Amino acid sequence: MRILTIGVLACGLWSANAVAQEHGEAQAEDQADEHDSESHESDAHDAGDGSGHTGEVEHEAEAHEEAGHTSGHGHHSNHLGIFFGASTQLQYDDTGFTIGLEYERFLGRHFGLGLTVDVNATNLQRHFTASLPFLYHATSGLKLWVAPGLEFGEEEDHDSHEKKNITYFLIQMGMGYSFFFDWFSLTPQFYVDWAGGHWTLVYGVAAGIGF
């Protein structure tokens, strides 16, 4: 009887120990699964942060590039300037002074539409030109333009020295390079006018402001 009792107790202890071991292994597996899940979530979060940081860097780079393109005309939409220079009529090799006013309205990064008025005075002629330039800003400083317009005033005949009033259709092509100092700019420029069957070279410097 004692032997049977001892045997029953031994079986009970062995069963309890086996159940405890199985329970412990199950808890260990659960903890391992939770640790793996937390590790995956952490990796995903880090990846998300890295992606977000990369997006922010790309956005800042785009903003910097945008600022670089617009800084050419000082973040202004309008430009007003005064031109001082000289003009040479190639037909008679006649040179005099030129003074003018120029206005430009910027149309985005690269384009502009303007209005210019010049007064040209040489030994043989006194005339005014008014033109509407279409401008292309190739870089922040370099600009190119073509402009239809009118030339009118007084012209002296080279042979008879008689003066007459003239009005001609004008085509102007030019280029300039601007140096910016915040809202102020200096632009050496050169352009050629074709009007009345003759060519006139105009060259000088324009001082302008942005607003």
Protein backbone atom coordinates (compact mmCIF):
# COMPACT_ATOMS: atom_id res chain seq x y z
CA MET A 1 0.00 0.00 0.00
CA ARG A 2 2.79 2.42 0.83
CA ILE A 3 4.55 1.51 -2.40
CA LEU A 4 1.37 2.28 -4.38
CA THR A 5 0.94 5.60 -2.59
CA ILE A 6 4.54 6.60 -3.27
CA GLY A 7 4.10 5.64 -6.92
CA VAL A 8 0.96 7.78 -7.26
CA LEU A 9 2.72 10.76 -5.62
CA ALA A 10 5.73 10.35 -7.90
CA CYS A 11 3.50 10.30 -10.99
CA GLY A 12 1.68 13.41 -9.74
CA LEU A 13 4.94 15.30 -9.18
CA TRP A 14 6.27 14.29 -12.59
CA SER A 15 3.03 15.45 -14.28
CA ALA A 16 3.09 18.77 -12.42
CA ASN A 17 6.73 19.32 -13.41
CA ALA A 18 5.96 18.54 -17.05
CA VAL A 19 3.01 20.98 -17.08
CA ALA A 20 5.20 23.69 -15.47
CA GLN A 21 7.90 23.18 -18.11
CA GLU A 22 5.37 23.37 -20.94
CA HIS A 23 3.90 26.55 -19.43
CA GLY A 24 7.37 28.09 -19.08
CA GLU A 25 8.24 27.25 -22.69
CA ALA A 26 4.95 28.75 -23.88
CA GLN A 27 5.65 31.98 -21.97
CA ALA A 28 9.16 32.13 -23.42
CA GLU A 29 7.80 31.70 -26.95
CA ASP A 30 5.19 34.43 -26.34
CA GLN A 31 7.88 36.80 -25.05
CA ALA A 32 10.09 36.03 -28.07
CA ASP A 33 7.17 36.75 -30.45
CA GLU A 34 6.42 40.05 -28.69
CA HIS A 35 10.13 41.05 -28.90
CA ASP A 36 10.22 40.26 -32.63
CA SER A 37 7.02 42.26 -33.20
CA GLU A 38 8.43 45.26 -31.31
CA SER A 39 11.66 45.01 -33.32
CA HIS A 40 9.74 45.07 -36.63
CA GLU A 41 7.65 48.04 -35.51
CA SER A 42 10.80 49.90 -34.44
CA ASP A 43 12.48 49.20 -37.79
CA ALA A 44 9.37 50.36 -39.65
CA HIS A 45 9.23 53.54 -37.57
CA ASP A 46 12.90 54.25 -38.20
CA ALA A 47 12.39 53.66 -41.91
CA GLY A 48 9.42 56.04 -41.87
CA ASP A 49 11.48 58.70 -40.11
CA GLY A 50 14.26 58.26 -42.63
CA SER A 51 11.83 58.60 -45.50
CA GLY A 52 10.28 61.67 -43.94
CA HIS A 53 13.70 63.20 -43.35
CA THR A 54 14.67 62.48 -46.94
CA GLY A 55 11.45 64.14 -48.13
CA GLU A 56 12.20 67.20 -46.02
CA VAL A 57 15.73 67.41 -47.43
CA GLU A 58 14.41 67.12 -50.99
CA HIS A 59 11.80 69.81 -50.30
CA GLU A 60 14.45 72.14 -48.87
CA ALA A 61 16.65 71.52 -51.92
CA GLU A 62 13.77 72.34 -54.26
CA ALA A 63 13.00 75.50 -52.29
CA HIS A 64 16.67 76.52 -52.46
CA GLU A 65 16.74 75.91 -56.20
CA GLU A 66 13.56 77.95 -56.61
CA ALA A 67 15.12 80.77 -54.60
CA GLY A 68 18.22 80.56 -56.79
CA HIS A 69 16.15 81.01 -59.93
CA THR A 70 14.16 83.93 -58.60
CA SER A 71 17.02 85.70 -56.84
CA GLY A 72 18.16 87.02 -60.22
CA HIS A 73 15.57 89.77 -60.12
CA GLY A 74 15.60 90.13 -56.36
CA HIS A 75 12.21 88.48 -55.68
CA HIS A 76 10.49 91.43 -57.39
CA SER A 77 7.85 91.28 -60.11
CA ASN A 78 8.74 94.60 -61.76
CA HIS A 79 11.87 96.38 -62.91
CA LEU A 80 12.33 100.06 -63.74
CA GLY A 81 15.59 101.47 -65.06
CA ILE A 82 17.32 104.35 -66.79
CA PHE A 83 19.82 103.80 -69.59
CA PHE A 84 22.91 105.88 -70.36
CA GLY A 85 24.99 105.14 -73.43
CA ALA A 86 25.80 105.94 -77.02
CA SER A 87 24.49 105.03 -80.46
CA THR A 88 26.27 104.66 -83.77
CA GLN A 89 24.43 104.77 -87.09
CA LEU A 90 26.42 102.40 -89.26
CA GLN A 91 25.31 103.83 -92.59
CA TYR A 92 27.08 107.15 -91.99
CA ASP A 93 29.37 106.20 -89.10
CA ASP A 94 27.59 108.83 -87.03
CA THR A 95 27.83 108.51 -83.23
CA GLY A 96 26.00 110.38 -80.47
CA PHE A 97 24.55 109.93 -77.00
CA THR A 98 21.52 107.86 -75.98
CA ILE A 99 19.39 108.07 -72.87
CA GLY A 100 16.33 105.98 -72.17
CA LEU A 101 13.81 104.53 -69.76
CA GLU A 102 12.95 100.86 -69.46
CA TYR A 103 10.28 98.88 -67.66
CA GLU A 104 9.87 95.13 -67.39
CA ARG A 105 7.17 92.92 -65.92
CA PHE A 106 8.53 89.47 -65.05
CA LEU A 107 6.45 86.52 -66.23
CA GLY A 108 7.82 83.65 -64.17
CA ARG A 109 11.46 82.59 -63.92
CA HIS A 110 12.63 83.10 -67.49
CA PHE A 111 10.36 85.51 -69.36
CA GLY A 112 9.39 89.14 -69.24
CA LEU A 113 7.46 91.76 -71.17
CA GLY A 114 8.63 95.35 -71.23
CA LEU A 115 8.42 98.88 -72.57
CA THR A 116 11.43 101.03 -73.53
CA VAL A 117 11.72 104.62 -74.71
CA ASP A 118 15.06 105.99 -75.99
CA VAL A 119 16.26 109.39 -77.15
CA ASN A 120 19.11 109.25 -79.65
CA ALA A 121 21.03 112.38 -80.71
CA THR A 122 23.81 112.28 -83.30
CA ASN A 123 25.21 114.86 -85.69
CA LEU A 124 22.71 113.90 -88.39
CA GLN A 125 19.57 112.95 -86.50
CA ARG A 126 17.48 113.46 -83.41
CA HIS A 127 14.97 110.71 -82.96
CA PHE A 128 12.94 108.79 -80.41
CA THR A 129 12.33 105.06 -80.30
CA ALA A 130 9.56 103.25 -78.47
CA SER A 131 9.56 99.46 -78.34
CA LEU A 132 7.92 96.48 -76.64
CA PRO A 133 10.66 93.96 -75.81
CA PHE A 134 9.95 90.28 -75.22
CA LEU A 135 12.70 89.15 -72.85
CA TYR A 136 14.22 85.78 -72.09
CA HIS A 137 16.32 85.43 -68.91
CA ALA A 138 18.73 82.62 -69.77
CA THR A 139 20.37 82.82 -66.31
CA SER A 140 19.89 84.96 -63.23
CA GLY A 141 21.98 87.70 -64.91
CA LEU A 142 21.92 87.14 -68.67
CA LYS A 143 18.94 88.40 -70.64
CA LEU A 144 18.15 88.42 -74.35
CA TRP A 145 15.34 90.25 -76.09
CA VAL A 146 13.66 91.10 -79.35
CA ALA A 147 11.37 94.10 -79.68
CA PRO A 148 9.08 95.58 -82.33
CA GLY A 149 8.63 99.34 -82.15
CA LEU A 150 8.63 102.72 -83.84
CA GLU A 151 11.31 105.28 -84.56
CA PHE A 152 10.28 108.86 -85.19
CA GLY A 153 11.88 112.27 -85.12
CA GLU A 154 14.05 114.47 -87.32
CA GLU A 155 16.73 113.33 -89.73
CA GLU A 156 19.21 115.28 -91.85
CA ASP A 157 19.97 114.16 -95.37
CA HIS A 158 23.63 113.26 -95.62
CA ASP A 159 24.07 114.90 -99.06
CA SER A 160 21.68 117.85 -99.18
CA HIS A 161 21.71 118.51 -95.42
CA GLU A 162 17.95 119.05 -95.55
CA LYS A 163 16.03 118.02 -92.44
CA LYS A 164 12.89 115.97 -92.60
CA ASN A 165 10.54 114.31 -90.18
CA ILE A 166 10.62 110.54 -90.21
CA THR A 167 8.57 107.65 -88.83
CA TYR A 168 9.88 104.12 -89.26
CA PHE A 169 8.91 100.67 -88.10
CA LEU A 170 11.69 99.34 -85.89
CA ILE A 171 13.03 95.92 -84.94
CA GLN A 172 15.41 95.72 -81.99
CA MET A 173 17.55 92.79 -80.82
CA GLY A 174 19.72 92.95 -77.75
CA MET A 175 21.41 91.36 -74.79
CA GLY A 176 22.57 92.41 -71.34
CA TYR A 177 24.00 91.06 -68.13
CA SER A 178 22.68 92.29 -64.78
CA PHE A 179 24.58 92.57 -61.51
CA PHE A 180 22.18 92.64 -58.55
CA PHE A 181 22.62 94.40 -55.23
CA ASP A 182 19.41 93.50 -53.38
CA TRP A 183 16.76 95.72 -55.02
CA PHE A 184 19.29 97.65 -57.17
CA SER A 185 20.91 96.46 -60.40
CA LEU A 186 23.50 97.54 -62.97
CA THR A 187 23.19 96.10 -66.47
CA PRO A 188 25.75 96.61 -69.23
CA GLN A 189 23.83 96.04 -72.44
CA PHE A 190 24.16 96.12 -76.18
CA TYR A 191 21.46 96.14 -78.84
CA VAL A 192 20.95 96.84 -82.50
CA ASP A 193 18.05 98.70 -84.13
CA TRP A 194 16.93 98.23 -87.70
CA ALA A 195 14.71 101.04 -88.95
CA GLY A 196 14.29 102.88 -92.24
CA GLY A 197 16.73 100.59 -94.02
CA HIS A 198 19.68 101.33 -91.73
CA TRP A 199 21.29 99.76 -88.69
CA THR A 200 22.08 101.52 -85.42
CA LEU A 201 24.21 100.08 -82.64
CA VAL A 202 23.35 101.13 -79.09
CA TYR A 203 25.55 100.34 -76.10
CA GLY A 204 25.76 101.49 -72.50
CA VAL A 205 24.70 100.73 -68.93
CA ALA A 206 21.26 100.68 -67.32
CA ALA A 207 20.73 101.34 -63.61
CA GLY A 208 17.51 99.91 -62.25
CA ILE A 209 15.39 99.08 -59.21
CA GLY A 210 13.09 96.15 -58.49
CA PHE A 211 9.68 96.52 -56.86
